[in-house]
Amino acid sequence: MRYWYFVPTLPGFLFTSPAPMREEDFLEKAEKYMAAEDFAELRKSTELFTSGTVPPDFRSSLLRDYFYWEQSMRNELSILRCRAAGLSEVTKYVRPIAATSNSESLSDALIQQAQFSARRVFEVQDPLLAEQALEHERWNCLDELARSSYFDLDFLIAYYLKLRIVNRLAYFDQERGMAAYKRLYNDILGSGSNTAQTAISGDIA
């Protein structure tokens, strides 16, 4: 199904842009304009990555490919981290990727892309920058998968997942800002405390 009137109302945004709307606002509009089955697929797109089950099929080919890319990328990242930590039994940290009724085995290109993404993230040492790099890889994968999607369910799922990415990035910025504020605040308190102690001792007139 094509959403000729809904999609043009959605503002564009970049990986480095602030979110153009809240996720709740997007879902409210989507439920109003989308077919019930398509909206259900859109809603479940974010639950897939935290649940332990794989749906028997996907209405969205983009969601199917992105789900398997994500699982492959996470597995490769787990393997790299286990090896770096000197752990020999890596299989218990790797989740099996089951096939679904409407999917064939993962393409070599998709698996390779997931492995390259994991390696790029693994090479980033700073934890915050690594999280940002991970979100960038996810964004790039969605860009690639949605390259030929216009006005359809695949486009809307990619849009929703990208919206979640930039909202998560904004949260990282808030966390980093709060950490910097706390460090500065503690430094000021520490300096003020030392000054007050010195003044009381009579060393400063």
Protein backbone atom coordinates (compact mmCIF):
# COMPACT_ATOMS: atom_id res chain seq x y z
CA MET A 1 0.00 0.00 0.00
CA ARG A 2 1.22 3.50 -0.83
CA TYR A 3 0.79 6.44 1.53
CA TRP A 4 0.79 9.28 -0.97
CA TYR A 5 -0.69 11.85 1.43
CA PHE A 6 0.89 10.80 4.74
CA VAL A 7 4.56 10.55 3.74
CA PRO A 8 4.83 14.11 2.29
CA THR A 9 3.68 15.53 5.65
CA LEU A 10 6.71 14.06 7.43
CA PRO A 11 9.66 16.47 7.87
CA GLY A 12 13.04 15.27 6.67
CA PHE A 13 16.03 15.07 9.00
CA LEU A 14 19.67 13.98 9.05
CA PHE A 15 21.73 11.84 11.39
CA THR A 16 23.17 15.00 12.91
CA SER A 17 19.78 16.78 13.11
CA PRO A 18 17.56 17.09 16.14
CA ALA A 19 14.47 14.92 16.03
CA PRO A 20 11.72 16.74 14.09
CA MET A 21 9.04 15.26 16.36
CA ARG A 22 8.49 12.97 19.30
CA GLU A 23 8.09 9.27 18.61
CA GLU A 24 4.66 9.39 20.28
CA ASP A 25 3.53 12.13 17.88
CA PHE A 26 4.71 10.15 14.88
CA LEU A 27 2.89 7.01 16.06
CA GLU A 28 -0.28 9.00 16.64
CA LYS A 29 -0.22 10.29 13.07
CA ALA A 30 0.75 6.88 11.69
CA GLU A 31 -2.14 5.13 13.40
CA LYS A 32 -4.52 7.69 11.91
CA TYR A 33 -3.32 7.34 8.31
CA MET A 34 -1.96 3.79 8.00
CA ALA A 35 -3.78 0.52 7.38
CA ALA A 36 -4.20 -1.46 10.61
CA GLU A 37 -1.93 -4.33 9.53
CA ASP A 38 0.81 -1.97 8.37
CA PHE A 39 0.61 0.03 11.58
CA ALA A 40 0.90 -3.17 13.64
CA GLU A 41 4.09 -4.01 11.73
CA LEU A 42 5.42 -0.52 12.37
CA ARG A 43 4.71 -0.77 16.11
CA LYS A 44 6.38 -4.16 16.49
CA SER A 45 9.53 -2.97 14.68
CA THR A 46 11.11 -1.71 17.91
CA GLU A 47 10.02 -4.67 20.04
CA LEU A 48 11.77 -7.21 17.82
CA PHE A 49 15.22 -6.33 19.10
CA THR A 50 14.39 -6.82 22.78
CA SER A 51 12.15 -9.88 22.52
CA GLY A 52 13.56 -13.38 22.39
CA THR A 53 11.26 -14.51 19.59
CA VAL A 54 11.28 -14.02 15.85
CA PRO A 55 7.94 -13.52 14.05
CA PRO A 56 6.96 -16.24 11.57
CA ASP A 57 6.90 -13.66 8.78
CA PHE A 58 7.30 -9.99 8.01
CA ARG A 59 5.04 -7.70 6.02
CA SER A 60 8.03 -5.39 5.49
CA SER A 61 11.03 -6.76 3.61
CA LEU A 62 13.06 -3.82 4.95
CA LEU A 63 12.23 -4.74 8.55
CA ARG A 64 13.13 -8.37 7.88
CA ASP A 65 16.52 -7.49 6.39
CA TYR A 66 17.26 -4.89 9.05
CA PHE A 67 16.37 -7.34 11.83
CA TYR A 68 18.78 -9.94 10.47
CA TRP A 69 21.47 -7.33 9.86
CA GLU A 70 21.12 -6.17 13.47
CA GLN A 71 21.36 -9.71 14.84
CA SER A 72 24.38 -10.50 12.65
CA MET A 73 26.09 -7.26 13.65
CA ARG A 74 25.48 -7.91 17.37
CA ASN A 75 26.83 -11.45 17.04
CA GLU A 76 29.99 -10.24 15.33
CA LEU A 77 30.44 -7.54 18.00
CA SER A 78 30.07 -10.16 20.74
CA ILE A 79 32.69 -12.35 19.07
CA LEU A 80 35.14 -9.47 18.78
CA ARG A 81 34.65 -8.47 22.42
CA CYS A 82 35.05 -12.04 23.64
CA ARG A 83 38.29 -12.46 21.74
CA ALA A 84 39.60 -9.16 23.07
CA ALA A 85 38.77 -10.32 26.61
CA GLY A 86 40.59 -13.63 26.03
CA LEU A 87 37.42 -15.75 26.22
CA SER A 88 37.58 -18.94 24.19
CA GLU A 89 33.91 -19.97 24.41
CA VAL A 90 32.26 -17.36 22.24
CA THR A 91 29.32 -19.45 21.04
CA LYS A 92 27.28 -18.90 24.23
CA TYR A 93 27.35 -15.16 23.52
CA VAL A 94 26.09 -15.57 19.95
CA ARG A 95 22.37 -15.74 19.26
CA PRO A 96 21.19 -18.11 16.51
CA ILE A 97 19.47 -16.39 13.61
CA ALA A 98 16.42 -18.39 12.62
CA ALA A 99 14.92 -18.16 9.16
CA THR A 100 11.31 -17.13 8.75
CA SER A 101 8.65 -18.38 6.42
CA ASN A 102 9.01 -15.48 4.00
CA SER A 103 12.79 -15.14 4.06
CA GLU A 104 15.63 -17.07 2.58
CA SER A 105 19.10 -17.34 4.06
CA LEU A 106 20.88 -14.06 4.64
CA SER A 107 22.70 -12.76 1.61
CA ASP A 108 26.47 -12.74 1.77
CA ALA A 109 26.42 -8.99 1.17
CA LEU A 110 24.18 -8.34 4.17
CA ILE A 111 26.31 -10.54 6.45
CA GLN A 112 29.47 -8.84 5.23
CA GLN A 113 27.95 -5.42 5.82
CA ALA A 114 27.00 -6.41 9.39
CA GLN A 115 30.50 -7.72 10.08
CA PHE A 116 32.16 -4.57 8.74
CA SER A 117 29.83 -2.44 10.87
CA ALA A 118 30.69 -4.42 14.00
CA ARG A 119 34.41 -4.05 13.36
CA ARG A 120 34.14 -0.31 12.87
CA VAL A 121 32.25 0.04 16.15
CA PHE A 122 34.67 -2.26 17.96
CA GLU A 123 37.62 -0.11 16.95
CA VAL A 124 36.19 2.90 18.82
CA GLN A 125 37.63 2.88 22.33
CA ASP A 126 35.59 5.62 24.02
CA PRO A 127 32.27 4.10 25.26
CA LEU A 128 30.13 7.12 24.34
CA LEU A 129 31.71 7.48 20.91
CA ALA A 130 31.28 3.74 20.38
CA GLU A 131 27.54 4.06 21.09
CA GLN A 132 27.34 6.96 18.64
CA ALA A 133 29.25 4.93 16.04
CA LEU A 134 26.83 2.05 16.55
CA GLU A 135 23.85 4.30 15.91
CA HIS A 136 25.58 5.67 12.81
CA GLU A 137 26.01 2.14 11.44
CA ARG A 138 22.33 1.46 12.07
CA TRP A 139 21.39 4.69 10.28
CA ASN A 140 23.58 3.81 7.29
CA CYS A 141 22.05 0.33 7.06
CA LEU A 142 18.52 1.77 7.08
CA ASP A 143 19.57 4.28 4.41
CA GLU A 144 20.84 1.48 2.21
CA LEU A 145 17.79 -0.76 2.71
CA ALA A 146 15.34 2.09 2.10
CA ARG A 147 17.10 3.37 -1.01
CA SER A 148 14.30 2.27 -3.34
CA SER A 149 11.39 2.71 -0.92
CA TYR A 150 8.98 5.58 -1.47
CA PHE A 151 5.58 6.26 0.14
CA ASP A 152 5.29 2.67 1.41
CA LEU A 153 5.51 0.64 4.63
CA ASP A 154 9.26 0.11 4.24
CA PHE A 155 9.82 3.87 4.03
CA LEU A 156 7.72 4.51 7.14
CA ILE A 157 9.48 1.82 9.18
CA ALA A 158 12.88 3.23 8.19
CA TYR A 159 11.65 6.72 9.14
CA TYR A 160 10.44 5.52 12.55
CA LEU A 161 13.66 3.65 13.33
CA LYS A 162 15.73 6.68 12.29
CA LEU A 163 13.57 8.87 14.51
CA ARG A 164 14.41 6.60 17.43
CA ILE A 165 18.11 6.82 16.56
CA VAL A 166 18.26 10.63 16.68
CA ASN A 167 16.22 10.67 19.88
CA ARG A 168 18.71 8.26 21.44
CA LEU A 169 21.60 10.44 20.26
CA ALA A 170 19.95 13.44 21.90
CA TYR A 171 19.78 11.44 25.14
CA PHE A 172 23.52 10.74 24.87
CA ASP A 173 24.14 14.48 24.51
CA GLN A 174 22.04 15.17 27.60
CA GLU A 175 23.95 12.54 29.56
CA ARG A 176 27.28 13.94 28.43
CA GLY A 177 26.16 17.48 29.28
CA MET A 178 24.97 16.43 32.72
CA ALA A 179 28.24 14.61 33.41
CA ALA A 180 30.23 17.71 32.39
CA TYR A 181 27.99 19.90 34.57
CA LYS A 182 28.50 17.62 37.57
CA ARG A 183 32.27 17.64 37.10
CA LEU A 184 32.30 21.44 36.88
CA TYR A 185 29.95 21.78 39.84
CA ASN A 186 32.10 19.47 41.97
CA ASP A 187 35.25 21.36 40.95
CA ILE A 188 33.68 24.66 41.96
CA LEU A 189 32.48 23.23 45.27
CA GLY A 190 35.91 21.77 45.91
CA SER A 191 37.67 25.08 45.19
CA GLY A 192 35.17 26.99 47.31
CA SER A 193 35.62 24.60 50.19
CA ASN A 194 39.40 24.88 50.07
CA THR A 195 39.23 28.70 49.93
CA ALA A 196 36.88 28.84 52.88
CA GLN A 197 39.12 26.54 54.92
CA THR A 198 42.18 28.64 54.13
CA ALA A 199 40.40 31.87 55.05
CA ILE A 200 39.29 30.44 58.39
CA SER A 201 42.82 29.29 59.19
CA GLY A 202 44.07 32.89 58.84
CA ASP A 203 46.42 32.28 55.90
CA ILE A 204 44.40 34.66 53.75
CA ALA A 205 43.63 38.16 55.06
